[in-house]
Protein backbone atom coordinates (compact mmCIF):
# COMPACT_ATOMS: atom_id res chain seq x y z
CA MET A 1 48.66 -44.19 9.01
CA THR A 2 47.92 -45.26 12.53
CA MET A 3 45.48 -43.87 14.99
CA ALA A 4 48.20 -43.14 17.54
CA ALA A 5 49.80 -40.61 15.21
CA HIS A 6 46.74 -38.34 15.31
CA LEU A 7 46.27 -38.30 19.07
CA THR A 8 47.88 -35.41 20.87
CA PRO A 9 47.65 -34.78 24.58
CA PRO A 10 45.07 -32.13 25.56
CA PRO A 11 46.42 -28.74 26.53
CA GLN A 12 46.90 -28.16 30.24
CA ALA A 13 43.99 -26.27 31.81
CA PRO A 14 44.72 -23.76 34.53
CA ALA A 15 44.34 -25.23 38.01
CA VAL A 16 42.29 -22.26 39.25
CA PRO A 17 39.85 -20.26 37.12
CA PRO A 18 40.64 -16.58 36.67
CA ARG A 19 39.25 -14.24 39.31
CA GLN A 20 36.38 -11.89 38.59
CA GLU A 21 36.03 -8.49 40.14
CA VAL A 22 33.11 -8.11 42.54
CA PRO A 23 31.58 -4.63 42.66
CA LEU A 24 31.54 -2.85 45.99
CA PHE A 25 28.14 -2.56 47.65
CA PRO A 26 27.20 -0.29 50.53
CA PRO A 27 27.00 -2.15 53.85
CA ILE A 28 23.63 -3.49 54.93
CA ARG A 29 22.44 -1.87 58.12
CA PRO A 30 20.84 -4.24 60.62
CA GLY A 31 17.35 -3.49 61.89
CA GLY A 32 15.90 -1.20 59.29
CA GLY A 33 13.69 0.68 61.75
CA GLY A 34 10.88 -1.87 61.80
CA ARG A 35 9.25 -0.60 64.98
CA HIS A 36 9.55 3.01 63.87
CA ARG A 37 8.01 2.18 60.49
CA LEU A 38 5.12 0.32 62.16
CA ARG A 39 4.35 3.22 64.47
CA GLN A 40 4.51 5.64 61.56
CA ALA A 41 2.16 3.49 59.48
CA VAL A 42 -0.36 3.23 62.33
CA ARG A 43 -0.21 6.96 62.92
CA HIS A 44 -0.67 7.93 59.27
CA ARG A 45 -3.07 5.17 58.19
CA PRO A 46 -5.12 3.98 61.18
CA GLY A 47 -7.91 2.72 58.90
CA MET A 48 -5.62 0.10 57.39
CA LEU A 49 -4.84 -1.30 60.84
CA VAL A 50 -8.53 -1.46 61.74
CA ALA A 51 -9.34 -3.16 58.43
CA GLY A 52 -6.60 -5.73 59.00
CA LEU A 53 -7.78 -6.47 62.53
CA LEU A 54 -11.37 -6.84 61.34
CA ALA A 55 -10.28 -9.21 58.57
CA ALA A 56 -8.28 -11.31 61.04
CA ALA A 57 -11.21 -11.45 63.48
CA ALA A 58 -13.60 -12.49 60.70
CA ALA A 59 -11.22 -15.22 59.54
CA LEU A 60 -10.81 -16.59 63.05
CA SER A 61 -14.54 -16.54 63.77
CA ALA A 62 -15.35 -18.30 60.47
CA GLY A 63 -13.94 -21.56 61.79
CA PRO A 64 -11.29 -23.92 60.47
CA LEU A 65 -9.85 -23.38 57.02
CA ARG A 66 -10.82 -26.85 55.83
CA LEU A 67 -13.17 -29.40 57.24
CA GLY A 68 -11.60 -32.50 58.60
CA PRO A 69 -13.15 -35.68 59.88
CA PRO A 70 -15.56 -35.17 62.76
CA PRO A 71 -14.18 -35.76 66.24
CA PRO A 72 -14.67 -39.29 67.55
CA ALA A 73 -17.97 -39.70 69.34
CA THR A 74 -17.77 -40.73 72.94
CA ILE A 75 -20.61 -43.14 73.59
CA ALA A 76 -21.06 -44.38 77.13
CA PRO A 77 -21.74 -48.12 77.22
CA VAL A 78 -25.21 -49.02 78.38
CA VAL A 79 -25.36 -51.57 81.16
CA GLY A 80 -26.94 -54.83 80.04
CA GLN A 81 -26.50 -54.16 76.31
CA ASN A 82 -24.40 -56.45 74.14
CA ASN A 83 -21.83 -54.01 72.72
CA ALA A 84 -20.21 -56.64 70.48
CA ALA A 85 -23.20 -56.52 68.12
CA HIS A 86 -22.53 -52.84 67.44
CA CYS A 87 -18.88 -53.27 66.51
CA PRO A 88 -18.31 -53.71 62.77
CA GLY A 89 -15.58 -56.31 63.29
CA GLY A 90 -17.07 -58.01 66.34
CA PRO A 91 -18.81 -61.36 66.40
CA ALA A 92 -22.48 -61.26 65.49
CA SER A 93 -24.51 -62.46 68.41
CA PRO A 94 -28.23 -62.24 69.05
CA GLY A 95 -28.94 -59.18 71.10
């Protein structure tokens, strides 16, 4: 018995998979009344707006969210001073 006798060609698969039905959905309306909903929320719950504004003001007045490196210092050179001695990579010379 040879190996070629047991091999059969694979069955042909369909070129395109079968279609599936997609359910019908109601159309999506653009907009959604965002401005109307905002005005209604402010009218019915003014305390929430005030609390949100106070929280935003407190967050802005607290400063940056995380501390970064300090800004570079601007040092004016002094006339008659050897500035090379102050540089970490500069040549060391008697001042």
